[in-house]
Amino acid sequence: MPQGIERLISNRKTRDRAAILLLIGIVLFMPPFARAALMDTQFAGIPLPVFYIFAVWIGLVVAAAAIAGPLARADEPAETGETPEGDG
């Protein structure tokens, strides 16, 4: 497979991962999941709702940081090594 096509496929996968991360974040903060964390218990001395919100938030930040590098490289122009032809 030519390198240009592989790069396009890789870029597409990276953008898909970013979109999926957004959807996962939305779903995890929706009422059914957030309500599950509204129990009157504590985890490591922290109320469970507070722990849930910050754990999900930190997880999303870490995942976004992991995706940010490849996503930034996806926006860079491809280096083909060819020089454009000109009229001289």
PDB file of N, CA and C in Angstrom:
ATOM      1  N   MET A   1       0.852  -1.171   0.000  1.00  0.00           N
ATOM      2  CA  MET A   1       0.000   0.000   0.000  1.00  0.00           C
ATOM      3  C   MET A   1       0.898   1.235   0.000  1.00  0.00           C
ATOM      4  N   PRO A   2       0.604   2.228  -0.827  1.00  0.00           N
ATOM      5  CA  PRO A   2       1.425   3.442  -0.866  1.00  0.00           C
ATOM      6  C   PRO A   2       1.409   4.170   0.477  1.00  0.00           C
ATOM      7  N   GLN A   3       2.500   4.883   0.750  1.00  0.00           N
ATOM      8  CA  GLN A   3       2.643   5.552   2.037  1.00  0.00           C
ATOM      9  C   GLN A   3       1.581   6.631   2.232  1.00  0.00           C
ATOM     10  N   GLY A   4       1.184   7.310   1.175  1.00  0.00           N
ATOM     11  CA  GLY A   4       0.164   8.355   1.279  1.00  0.00           C
ATOM     12  C   GLY A   4      -1.169   7.809   1.748  1.00  0.00           C
ATOM     13  N   ILE A   5      -1.530   6.639   1.240  1.00  0.00           N
ATOM     14  CA  ILE A   5      -2.798   6.028   1.639  1.00  0.00           C
ATOM     15  C   ILE A   5      -2.720   5.557   3.095  1.00  0.00           C
ATOM     16  N   GLU A   6      -1.579   4.995   3.488  1.00  0.00           N
ATOM     17  CA  GLU A   6      -1.404   4.579   4.879  1.00  0.00           C
ATOM     18  C   GLU A   6      -1.522   5.769   5.820  1.00  0.00           C
ATOM     19  N   ARG A   7      -0.964   6.908   5.405  1.00  0.00           N
ATOM     20  CA  ARG A   7      -1.039   8.112   6.238  1.00  0.00           C
ATOM     21  C   ARG A   7      -2.491   8.591   6.349  1.00  0.00           C
ATOM     22  N   LEU A   8      -3.237   8.542   5.258  1.00  0.00           N
ATOM     23  CA  LEU A   8      -4.643   8.942   5.303  1.00  0.00           C
ATOM     24  C   LEU A   8      -5.445   8.036   6.224  1.00  0.00           C
ATOM     25  N   ILE A   9      -5.196   6.745   6.160  1.00  0.00           N
ATOM     26  CA  ILE A   9      -5.899   5.796   7.025  1.00  0.00           C
ATOM     27  C   ILE A   9      -5.540   6.049   8.482  1.00  0.00           C
ATOM     28  N   SER A  10      -4.260   6.283   8.751  1.00  0.00           N
ATOM     29  CA  SER A  10      -3.816   6.571  10.112  1.00  0.00           C
ATOM     30  C   SER A  10      -4.444   7.853  10.634  1.00  0.00           C
ATOM     31  N   ASN A  11      -4.497   8.890   9.796  1.00  0.00           N
ATOM     32  CA  ASN A  11      -5.124  10.155  10.193  1.00  0.00           C
ATOM     33  C   ASN A  11      -6.597   9.951  10.512  1.00  0.00           C
ATOM     34  N   ARG A  12      -7.251   9.171   9.683  1.00  0.00           N
ATOM     35  CA  ARG A  12      -8.681   8.916   9.890  1.00  0.00           C
ATOM     36  C   ARG A  12      -8.918   8.173  11.201  1.00  0.00           C
ATOM     37  N   LYS A  13      -8.080   7.172  11.491  1.00  0.00           N
ATOM     38  CA  LYS A  13      -8.214   6.427  12.743  1.00  0.00           C
ATOM     39  C   LYS A  13      -7.995   7.338  13.948  1.00  0.00           C
ATOM     40  N   THR A  14      -7.026   8.243  13.845  1.00  0.00           N
ATOM     41  CA  THR A  14      -6.755   9.153  14.954  1.00  0.00           C
ATOM     42  C   THR A  14      -7.932  10.085  15.182  1.00  0.00           C
ATOM     43  N   ARG A  15      -8.496  10.617  14.120  1.00  0.00           N
ATOM     44  CA  ARG A  15      -9.665  11.487  14.263  1.00  0.00           C
ATOM     45  C   ARG A  15     -10.867  10.706  14.803  1.00  0.00           C
ATOM     46  N   ASP A  16     -11.022   9.459  14.394  1.00  0.00           N
ATOM     47  CA  ASP A  16     -12.104   8.631  14.926  1.00  0.00           C
ATOM     48  C   ASP A  16     -11.929   8.387  16.416  1.00  0.00           C
ATOM     49  N   ARG A  17     -10.696   8.154  16.843  1.00  0.00           N
ATOM     50  CA  ARG A  17     -10.432   7.950  18.275  1.00  0.00           C
ATOM     51  C   ARG A  17     -10.792   9.204  19.071  1.00  0.00           C
ATOM     52  N   ALA A  18     -10.482  10.374  18.535  1.00  0.00           N
ATOM     53  CA  ALA A  18     -10.815  11.627  19.219  1.00  0.00           C
ATOM     54  C   ALA A  18     -12.334  11.784  19.332  1.00  0.00           C
ATOM     55  N   ALA A  19     -13.055  11.459  18.285  1.00  0.00           N
ATOM     56  CA  ALA A  19     -14.517  11.560  18.316  1.00  0.00           C
ATOM     57  C   ALA A  19     -15.111  10.551  19.299  1.00  0.00           C
ATOM     58  N   ILE A  20     -14.563   9.351  19.329  1.00  0.00           N
ATOM     59  CA  ILE A  20     -15.050   8.327  20.260  1.00  0.00           C
ATOM     60  C   ILE A  20     -14.779   8.748  21.698  1.00  0.00           C
ATOM     61  N   LEU A  21     -13.630   9.366  21.951  1.00  0.00           N
ATOM     62  CA  LEU A  21     -13.313   9.853  23.297  1.00  0.00           C
ATOM     63  C   LEU A  21     -14.329  10.894  23.743  1.00  0.00           C
ATOM     64  N   LEU A  22     -14.708  11.785  22.844  1.00  0.00           N
ATOM     65  CA  LEU A  22     -15.735  12.778  23.159  1.00  0.00           C
ATOM     66  C   LEU A  22     -17.052  12.097  23.530  1.00  0.00           C
ATOM     67  N   LEU A  23     -17.458  11.121  22.744  1.00  0.00           N
ATOM     68  CA  LEU A  23     -18.709  10.413  23.026  1.00  0.00           C
ATOM     69  C   LEU A  23     -18.646   9.653  24.349  1.00  0.00           C
ATOM     70  N   ILE A  24     -17.511   9.042  24.637  1.00  0.00           N
ATOM     71  CA  ILE A  24     -17.347   8.332  25.911  1.00  0.00           C
ATOM     72  C   ILE A  24     -17.480   9.315  27.071  1.00  0.00           C
ATOM     73  N   GLY A  25     -16.859  10.488  26.940  1.00  0.00           N
ATOM     74  CA  GLY A  25     -16.963  11.501  27.987  1.00  0.00           C
ATOM     75  C   GLY A  25     -18.389  11.950  28.205  1.00  0.00           C
ATOM     76  N   ILE A  26     -19.120  12.157  27.127  1.00  0.00           N
ATOM     77  CA  ILE A  26     -20.526  12.569  27.246  1.00  0.00           C
ATOM     78  C   ILE A  26     -21.343  11.491  27.936  1.00  0.00           C
ATOM     79  N   VAL A  27     -21.147  10.256  27.541  1.00  0.00           N
ATOM     80  CA  VAL A  27     -21.921   9.158  28.125  1.00  0.00           C
ATOM     81  C   VAL A  27     -21.605   8.995  29.612  1.00  0.00           C
ATOM     82  N   LEU A  28     -20.346   9.091  29.983  1.00  0.00           N
ATOM     83  CA  LEU A  28     -19.973   8.890  31.387  1.00  0.00           C
ATOM     84  C   LEU A  28     -20.510   9.981  32.307  1.00  0.00           C
ATOM     85  N   PHE A  29     -20.802  11.160  31.768  1.00  0.00           N
ATOM     86  CA  PHE A  29     -21.361  12.231  32.594  1.00  0.00           C
ATOM     87  C   PHE A  29     -22.881  12.339  32.469  1.00  0.00           C
ATOM     88  N   MET A  30     -23.503  11.443  31.722  1.00  0.00           N
ATOM     89  CA  MET A  30     -24.963  11.464  31.594  1.00  0.00           C
ATOM     90  C   MET A  30     -25.588  10.934  32.883  1.00  0.00           C
ATOM     91  N   PRO A  31     -26.838  11.303  33.150  1.00  0.00           N
ATOM     92  CA  PRO A  31     -27.479  10.940  34.421  1.00  0.00           C
ATOM     93  C   PRO A  31     -27.452   9.460  34.806  1.00  0.00           C
ATOM     94  N   PRO A  32     -27.662   8.500  33.909  1.00  0.00           N
ATOM     95  CA  PRO A  32     -27.647   7.106  34.392  1.00  0.00           C
ATOM     96  C   PRO A  32     -26.310   6.702  35.011  1.00  0.00           C
ATOM     97  N   PHE A  33     -25.203   7.123  34.423  1.00  0.00           N
ATOM     98  CA  PHE A  33     -23.905   6.775  34.977  1.00  0.00           C
ATOM     99  C   PHE A  33     -23.579   7.633  36.190  1.00  0.00           C
ATOM    100  N   ALA A  34     -23.908   8.919  36.126  1.00  0.00           N
ATOM    101  CA  ALA A  34     -23.623   9.809  37.245  1.00  0.00           C
ATOM    102  C   ALA A  34     -24.479   9.433  38.457  1.00  0.00           C
ATOM    103  N   ARG A  35     -25.712   8.995  38.223  1.00  0.00           N
ATOM    104  CA  ARG A  35     -26.575   8.579  39.331  1.00  0.00           C
ATOM    105  C   ARG A  35     -26.032   7.341  40.037  1.00  0.00           C
ATOM    106  N   ALA A  36     -25.387   6.477  39.299  1.00  0.00           N
ATOM    107  CA  ALA A  36     -24.813   5.277  39.906  1.00  0.00           C
ATOM    108  C   ALA A  36     -23.743   5.638  40.930  1.00  0.00           C
ATOM    109  N   ALA A  37     -23.119   6.788  40.747  1.00  0.00           N
ATOM    110  CA  ALA A  37     -22.075   7.215  41.671  1.00  0.00           C
ATOM    111  C   ALA A  37     -22.627   8.028  42.843  1.00  0.00           C
ATOM    112  N   LEU A  38     -23.927   8.241  42.905  1.00  0.00           N
ATOM    113  CA  LEU A  38     -24.513   9.067  43.959  1.00  0.00           C
ATOM    114  C   LEU A  38     -24.837   8.279  45.220  1.00  0.00           C
ATOM    115  N   MET A  39     -24.090   7.254  45.503  1.00  0.00           N
ATOM    116  CA  MET A  39     -24.294   6.502  46.740  1.00  0.00           C
ATOM    117  C   MET A  39     -23.619   7.244  47.887  1.00  0.00           C
ATOM    118  N   ASP A  40     -24.128   7.023  49.074  1.00  0.00           N
ATOM    119  CA  ASP A  40     -23.586   7.690  50.247  1.00  0.00           C
ATOM    120  C   ASP A  40     -22.425   6.874  50.823  1.00  0.00           C
ATOM    121  N   THR A  41     -21.397   6.697  50.016  1.00  0.00           N
ATOM    122  CA  THR A  41     -20.210   5.966  50.460  1.00  0.00           C
ATOM    123  C   THR A  41     -18.976   6.808  50.164  1.00  0.00           C
ATOM    124  N   GLN A  42     -17.858   6.353  50.682  1.00  0.00           N
ATOM    125  CA  GLN A  42     -16.610   7.059  50.454  1.00  0.00           C
ATOM    126  C   GLN A  42     -15.576   6.094  49.895  1.00  0.00           C
ATOM    127  N   PHE A  43     -14.706   6.635  49.084  1.00  0.00           N
ATOM    128  CA  PHE A  43     -13.602   5.872  48.519  1.00  0.00           C
ATOM    129  C   PHE A  43     -12.333   6.617  48.880  1.00  0.00           C
ATOM    130  N   ALA A  44     -11.486   5.999  49.668  1.00  0.00           N
ATOM    131  CA  ALA A  44     -10.247   6.613  50.153  1.00  0.00           C
ATOM    132  C   ALA A  44     -10.535   7.923  50.885  1.00  0.00           C
ATOM    133  N   GLY A  45     -11.631   7.973  51.611  1.00  0.00           N
ATOM    134  CA  GLY A  45     -11.987   9.158  52.376  1.00  0.00           C
ATOM    135  C   GLY A  45     -12.626  10.269  51.566  1.00  0.00           C
ATOM    136  N   ILE A  46     -12.880  10.017  50.284  1.00  0.00           N
ATOM    137  CA  ILE A  46     -13.490  11.014  49.403  1.00  0.00           C
ATOM    138  C   ILE A  46     -14.894  10.535  49.065  1.00  0.00           C
ATOM    139  N   PRO A  47     -15.900  11.423  49.147  1.00  0.00           N
ATOM    140  CA  PRO A  47     -17.263  10.998  48.765  1.00  0.00           C
ATOM    141  C   PRO A  47     -17.266  10.450  47.334  1.00  0.00           C
ATOM    142  N   LEU A  48     -17.998   9.384  47.114  1.00  0.00           N
ATOM    143  CA  LEU A  48     -17.999   8.693  45.831  1.00  0.00           C
ATOM    144  C   LEU A  48     -18.372   9.590  44.646  1.00  0.00           C
ATOM    145  N   PRO A  49     -19.382  10.480  44.754  1.00  0.00           N
ATOM    146  CA  PRO A  49     -19.676  11.336  43.594  1.00  0.00           C
ATOM    147  C   PRO A  49     -18.489  12.224  43.190  1.00  0.00           C
ATOM    148  N   VAL A  50     -17.801  12.766  44.170  1.00  0.00           N
ATOM    149  CA  VAL A  50     -16.640  13.615  43.877  1.00  0.00           C
ATOM    150  C   VAL A  50     -15.529  12.774  43.257  1.00  0.00           C
ATOM    151  N   PHE A  51     -15.294  11.598  43.808  1.00  0.00           N
ATOM    152  CA  PHE A  51     -14.271  10.707  43.262  1.00  0.00           C
ATOM    153  C   PHE A  51     -14.603  10.315  41.831  1.00  0.00           C
ATOM    154  N   TYR A  52     -15.868   9.995  41.562  1.00  0.00           N
ATOM    155  CA  TYR A  52     -16.289   9.591  40.220  1.00  0.00           C
ATOM    156  C   TYR A  52     -16.052  10.712  39.214  1.00  0.00           C
ATOM    157  N   ILE A  53     -16.486  11.915  39.551  1.00  0.00           N
ATOM    158  CA  ILE A  53     -16.342  13.041  38.625  1.00  0.00           C
ATOM    159  C   ILE A  53     -14.876  13.294  38.303  1.00  0.00           C
ATOM    160  N   PHE A  54     -14.028  13.324  39.323  1.00  0.00           N
ATOM    161  CA  PHE A  54     -12.619  13.618  39.076  1.00  0.00           C
ATOM    162  C   PHE A  54     -11.885  12.448  38.432  1.00  0.00           C
ATOM    163  N   ALA A  55     -12.279  11.220  38.749  1.00  0.00           N
ATOM    164  CA  ALA A  55     -11.639  10.062  38.105  1.00  0.00           C
ATOM    165  C   ALA A  55     -11.960  10.034  36.609  1.00  0.00           C
ATOM    166  N   VAL A  56     -13.210  10.290  36.252  1.00  0.00           N
ATOM    167  CA  VAL A  56     -13.594  10.329  34.837  1.00  0.00           C
ATOM    168  C   VAL A  56     -12.894  11.489  34.146  1.00  0.00           C
ATOM    169  N   TRP A  57     -12.853  12.641  34.799  1.00  0.00           N
ATOM    170  CA  TRP A  57     -12.214  13.819  34.217  1.00  0.00           C
ATOM    171  C   TRP A  57     -10.726  13.569  33.982  1.00  0.00           C
ATOM    172  N   ILE A  58     -10.038  13.022  34.971  1.00  0.00           N
ATOM    173  CA  ILE A  58      -8.611  12.733  34.819  1.00  0.00           C
ATOM    174  C   ILE A  58      -8.395  11.690  33.716  1.00  0.00           C
ATOM    175  N   GLY A  59      -9.251  10.683  33.667  1.00  0.00           N
ATOM    176  CA  GLY A  59      -9.144   9.675  32.607  1.00  0.00           C
ATOM    177  C   GLY A  59      -9.308  10.278  31.221  1.00  0.00           C
ATOM    178  N   LEU A  60     -10.251  11.195  31.076  1.00  0.00           N
ATOM    179  CA  LEU A  60     -10.454  11.858  29.785  1.00  0.00           C
ATOM    180  C   LEU A  60      -9.267  12.749  29.419  1.00  0.00           C
ATOM    181  N   VAL A  61      -8.703  13.436  30.408  1.00  0.00           N
ATOM    182  CA  VAL A  61      -7.539  14.289  30.143  1.00  0.00           C
ATOM    183  C   VAL A  61      -6.339  13.446  29.704  1.00  0.00           C
ATOM    184  N   VAL A  62      -6.113  12.329  30.382  1.00  0.00           N
ATOM    185  CA  VAL A  62      -4.995  11.451  30.021  1.00  0.00           C
ATOM    186  C   VAL A  62      -5.194  10.874  28.623  1.00  0.00           C
ATOM    187  N   ALA A  63      -6.408  10.434  28.329  1.00  0.00           N
ATOM    188  CA  ALA A  63      -6.689   9.882  27.003  1.00  0.00           C
ATOM    189  C   ALA A  63      -6.551  10.954  25.925  1.00  0.00           C
ATOM    190  N   ALA A  64      -7.003  12.164  26.217  1.00  0.00           N
ATOM    191  CA  ALA A  64      -6.873  13.254  25.240  1.00  0.00           C
ATOM    192  C   ALA A  64      -5.403  13.604  25.013  1.00  0.00           C
ATOM    193  N   ALA A  65      -4.610  13.561  26.065  1.00  0.00           N
ATOM    194  CA  ALA A  65      -3.179  13.835  25.910  1.00  0.00           C
ATOM    195  C   ALA A  65      -2.508  12.767  25.053  1.00  0.00           C
ATOM    196  N   ALA A  66      -2.950  11.518  25.212  1.00  0.00           N
ATOM    197  CA  ALA A  66      -2.388  10.438  24.403  1.00  0.00           C
ATOM    198  C   ALA A  66      -2.766  10.585  22.932  1.00  0.00           C
ATOM    199  N   ILE A  67      -3.934  11.135  22.668  1.00  0.00           N
ATOM    200  CA  ILE A  67      -4.401  11.307  21.291  1.00  0.00           C
ATOM    201  C   ILE A  67      -3.861  12.598  20.678  1.00  0.00           C
ATOM    202  N   ALA A  68      -3.501  13.587  21.496  1.00  0.00           N
ATOM    203  CA  ALA A  68      -3.117  14.905  20.991  1.00  0.00           C
ATOM    204  C   ALA A  68      -1.899  14.864  20.080  1.00  0.00           C
ATOM    205  N   GLY A  69      -0.888  14.080  20.414  1.00  0.00           N
ATOM    206  CA  GLY A  69       0.310  14.016  19.584  1.00  0.00           C
ATOM    207  C   GLY A  69       0.019  13.503  18.185  1.00  0.00           C
ATOM    208  N   PRO A  70      -0.572  12.322  18.070  1.00  0.00           N
ATOM    209  CA  PRO A  70      -0.907  11.829  16.725  1.00  0.00           C
ATOM    210  C   PRO A  70      -1.897  12.737  15.986  1.00  0.00           C
ATOM    211  N   LEU A  71      -2.797  13.387  16.716  1.00  0.00           N
ATOM    212  CA  LEU A  71      -3.763  14.273  16.073  1.00  0.00           C
ATOM    213  C   LEU A  71      -3.067  15.513  15.519  1.00  0.00           C
ATOM    214  N   ALA A  72      -2.071  16.036  16.231  1.00  0.00           N
ATOM    215  CA  ALA A  72      -1.313  17.188  15.735  1.00  0.00           C
ATOM    216  C   ALA A  72      -0.500  16.797  14.504  1.00  0.00           C
ATOM    217  N   ARG A  73       0.074  15.596  14.530  1.00  0.00           N
ATOM    218  CA  ARG A  73       0.831  15.135  13.367  1.00  0.00           C
ATOM    219  C   ARG A  73      -0.084  14.876  12.172  1.00  0.00           C
ATOM    220  N   ALA A  74      -1.333  14.561  12.419  1.00  0.00           N
ATOM    221  CA  ALA A  74      -2.276  14.300  11.330  1.00  0.00           C
ATOM    222  C   ALA A  74      -2.571  15.570  10.545  1.00  0.00           C
ATOM    223  N   ASP A  75      -2.445  16.721  11.191  1.00  0.00           N
ATOM    224  CA  ASP A  75      -2.723  17.983  10.512  1.00  0.00           C
ATOM    225  C   ASP A  75      -1.524  18.526   9.752  1.00  0.00           C
ATOM    226  N   GLU A  76      -0.344  17.946   9.964  1.00  0.00           N
ATOM    227  CA  GLU A  76       0.838  18.411   9.251  1.00  0.00           C
ATOM    228  C   GLU A  76       0.792  17.939   7.803  1.00  0.00           C
ATOM    229  N   PRO A  77       1.331  18.732   6.890  1.00  0.00           N
ATOM    230  CA  PRO A  77       1.357  18.278   5.491  1.00  0.00           C
ATOM    231  C   PRO A  77       2.303  17.090   5.335  1.00  0.00           C
ATOM    232  N   ALA A  78       1.987  16.236   4.412  1.00  0.00           N
ATOM    233  CA  ALA A  78       2.800  15.045   4.172  1.00  0.00           C
ATOM    234  C   ALA A  78       4.134  15.437   3.559  1.00  0.00           C
ATOM    235  N   GLU A  79       5.193  14.781   4.027  1.00  0.00           N
ATOM    236  CA  GLU A  79       6.518  15.027   3.468  1.00  0.00           C
ATOM    237  C   GLU A  79       6.773  13.967   2.406  1.00  0.00           C
ATOM    238  N   THR A  80       6.692  14.374   1.160  1.00  0.00           N
ATOM    239  CA  THR A  80       6.850  13.408   0.070  1.00  0.00           C
ATOM    240  C   THR A  80       8.277  13.351  -0.439  1.00  0.00           C
ATOM    241  N   GLY A  81       9.059  14.367  -0.155  1.00  0.00           N
ATOM    242  CA  GLY A  81      10.437  14.392  -0.635  1.00  0.00           C
ATOM    243  C   GLY A  81      10.542  14.878  -2.066  1.00  0.00           C
ATOM    244  N   GLU A  82       9.417  15.174  -2.684  1.00  0.00           N
ATOM    245  CA  GLU A  82       9.415  15.646  -4.060  1.00  0.00           C
ATOM    246  C   GLU A  82       9.409  17.170  -4.056  1.00  0.00           C
ATOM    247  N   THR A  83      10.060  17.747  -5.020  1.00  0.00           N
ATOM    248  CA  THR A  83      10.031  19.195  -5.168  1.00  0.00           C
ATOM    249  C   THR A  83       8.985  19.568  -6.207  1.00  0.00           C
ATOM    250  N   PRO A  84       8.258  20.659  -5.967  1.00  0.00           N
ATOM    251  CA  PRO A  84       7.246  21.048  -6.970  1.00  0.00           C
ATOM    252  C   PRO A  84       7.922  21.501  -8.258  1.00  0.00           C
ATOM    253  N   GLU A  85       7.301  21.162  -9.346  1.00  0.00           N
ATOM    254  CA  GLU A  85       7.835  21.547 -10.646  1.00  0.00           C
ATOM    255  C   GLU A  85       7.429  22.984 -10.933  1.00  0.00           C
ATOM    256  N   GLY A  86       8.369  23.753 -11.432  1.00  0.00           N
ATOM    257  CA  GLY A  86       8.079  25.139 -11.738  1.00  0.00           C
ATOM    258  C   GLY A  86       8.498  25.478 -13.163  1.00  0.00           C
ATOM    259  N   ASP A  87       8.207  26.686 -13.550  1.00  0.00           N
ATOM    260  CA  ASP A  87       8.537  27.135 -14.904  1.00  0.00           C
ATOM    261  C   ASP A  87       9.923  27.747 -14.980  1.00  0.00           C
ATOM    262  N   GLY A  88      10.720  27.547 -13.998  1.00  0.00           N
ATOM    263  CA  GLY A  88      12.055  27.876 -14.128  1.00  0.00           C
ATOM    264  C   GLY A  88      12.709  28.992 -13.610  1.00  0.00           C
TER     265      GLY A  88
END
